[in-house]
């Protein structure tokens, strides 16, 4: 039975919040040298990270619902271009800190993302 809302997105949110509140980053953000900072502090607290995760899932990914997902992604992208931040980060007063990323990191991240999508859609 396929659900309209993919459950794996929801399952990731508490885990991501735990990583953000303990390490200050996730594995992908660490690899791409990106950090989330709450006001002047280094790391987000767990509840802020959890709220952010649910807002990303709801507003940014449209809960993974086909068509709604595409509309939400496009809307979030347009707002990001216009305001230089996402609505969920703005709401929680979260700043994104980027450091220079070498070309090998971009190539590696692209490769892993492509393989991840391939395996996800092949075996799900």
Protein backbone atom coordinates (compact mmCIF):
# COMPACT_ATOMS: atom_id res chain seq x y z
CA UNK A 1 0.00 0.00 0.00
CA UNK A 2 1.50 3.29 -1.12
CA UNK A 3 0.70 6.28 1.03
CA UNK A 4 0.13 9.68 -0.53
CA UNK A 5 2.60 11.11 2.01
CA UNK A 6 5.97 9.30 2.04
CA UNK A 7 6.67 8.33 5.68
CA UNK A 8 10.47 8.33 5.34
CA UNK A 9 10.49 12.14 5.15
CA UNK A 10 8.69 12.37 8.48
CA UNK A 11 10.98 9.76 10.05
CA UNK A 12 14.08 11.79 9.12
CA UNK A 13 12.94 15.00 10.88
CA UNK A 14 13.67 14.02 14.53
CA UNK A 15 17.01 12.50 13.49
CA UNK A 16 17.99 15.66 11.59
CA UNK A 17 16.96 17.79 14.58
CA UNK A 18 19.17 15.66 16.83
CA UNK A 19 22.16 16.12 14.50
CA UNK A 20 21.60 19.87 14.22
CA UNK A 21 21.25 20.31 17.99
CA UNK A 22 24.29 18.18 18.87
CA UNK A 23 26.75 18.61 15.99
CA UNK A 24 25.39 21.85 14.56
CA UNK A 25 25.13 20.29 11.11
CA UNK A 26 24.05 17.17 9.23
CA UNK A 27 26.33 14.90 7.24
CA UNK A 28 25.40 16.53 3.93
CA UNK A 29 25.68 20.06 5.31
CA UNK A 30 29.04 19.20 6.88
CA UNK A 31 30.30 17.78 3.61
CA UNK A 32 29.23 20.91 1.72
CA UNK A 33 30.63 23.13 4.50
CA UNK A 34 27.29 24.62 5.52
CA UNK A 35 26.11 25.32 9.06
CA UNK A 36 22.88 26.56 10.56
CA UNK A 37 23.27 29.15 13.31
CA UNK A 38 20.53 30.36 15.64
CA UNK A 39 20.98 34.05 16.35
CA UNK A 40 24.49 34.37 17.81
CA UNK A 41 24.77 30.80 19.13
CA UNK A 42 26.61 28.02 17.39
CA UNK A 43 23.92 25.33 17.34
CA UNK A 44 20.15 25.18 17.15
CA UNK A 45 18.35 23.76 20.16
CA UNK A 46 16.42 20.54 19.53
CA UNK A 47 12.93 22.08 19.45
CA UNK A 48 13.97 24.83 17.02
CA UNK A 49 15.63 22.24 14.77
CA UNK A 50 12.51 20.04 15.00
CA UNK A 51 10.18 22.93 14.07
CA UNK A 52 12.49 23.83 11.19
CA UNK A 53 12.46 20.23 9.95
CA UNK A 54 8.67 20.07 9.95
CA UNK A 55 8.45 23.45 8.19
CA UNK A 56 10.91 22.29 5.51
CA UNK A 57 8.85 19.12 5.06
CA UNK A 58 5.55 21.00 4.92
CA UNK A 59 6.40 24.28 3.15
CA UNK A 60 9.50 23.29 1.21
CA UNK A 61 8.70 19.72 0.19
CA UNK A 62 4.89 19.89 0.23
CA UNK A 63 4.87 16.76 2.42
CA UNK A 64 6.22 14.83 -0.57
CA UNK A 65 2.81 14.85 -2.26
CA UNK A 66 3.18 14.74 -6.05
CA UNK A 67 2.39 18.05 -7.79
CA UNK A 68 2.08 19.84 -4.41
CA UNK A 69 5.77 18.99 -3.94
CA UNK A 70 6.78 20.69 -7.19
CA UNK A 71 4.69 23.79 -6.44
CA UNK A 72 6.20 24.11 -2.95
CA UNK A 73 9.75 23.63 -4.23
CA UNK A 74 9.30 26.28 -6.93
CA UNK A 75 7.67 28.72 -4.51
CA UNK A 76 10.42 28.20 -1.92
CA UNK A 77 13.09 28.68 -4.58
CA UNK A 78 11.53 31.93 -5.82
CA UNK A 79 11.29 33.28 -2.25
CA UNK A 80 14.90 32.24 -1.58
CA UNK A 81 16.05 34.15 -4.67
CA UNK A 82 14.02 37.21 -3.70
CA UNK A 83 14.67 37.37 0.06
CA UNK A 84 18.02 35.48 0.26
CA UNK A 85 16.56 33.16 2.93
CA UNK A 86 13.83 30.56 3.24
CA UNK A 87 10.61 31.24 5.11
CA UNK A 88 11.32 28.48 7.63
CA UNK A 89 14.77 29.82 8.46
CA UNK A 90 13.49 33.40 8.66
CA UNK A 91 10.65 32.36 11.00
CA UNK A 92 13.12 30.71 13.41
CA UNK A 93 15.83 33.43 13.07
CA UNK A 94 18.27 30.90 11.61
CA UNK A 95 21.23 32.01 9.55
CA UNK A 96 22.98 29.81 7.04
CA UNK A 97 26.78 29.98 7.06
CA UNK A 98 28.56 28.84 3.89
CA UNK A 99 32.27 28.20 3.53
CA UNK A 100 34.06 27.70 0.20
CA UNK A 101 33.40 24.27 -1.29
CA UNK A 102 36.01 22.61 -3.46
CA UNK A 103 35.11 21.16 -6.83
CA UNK A 104 35.76 17.59 -5.64
CA UNK A 105 33.09 18.04 -2.93
CA UNK A 106 30.54 19.21 -5.49
CA UNK A 107 31.32 16.30 -7.81
CA UNK A 108 31.18 13.79 -4.94
CA UNK A 109 27.91 15.23 -3.59
CA UNK A 110 26.36 15.14 -7.07
CA UNK A 111 27.45 11.52 -7.52
CA UNK A 112 26.07 10.42 -4.14
CA UNK A 113 22.79 12.28 -4.71
CA UNK A 114 22.35 10.72 -8.14
CA UNK A 115 23.10 7.24 -6.81
CA UNK A 116 20.75 7.82 -3.87
CA UNK A 117 17.87 8.83 -6.15
CA UNK A 118 18.59 5.89 -8.44
CA UNK A 119 18.51 3.34 -5.61
CA UNK A 120 15.51 4.98 -3.94
CA UNK A 121 13.38 4.90 -7.05
CA UNK A 122 14.67 1.50 -8.20
CA UNK A 123 14.02 -0.32 -4.92
CA UNK A 124 11.04 1.49 -3.43
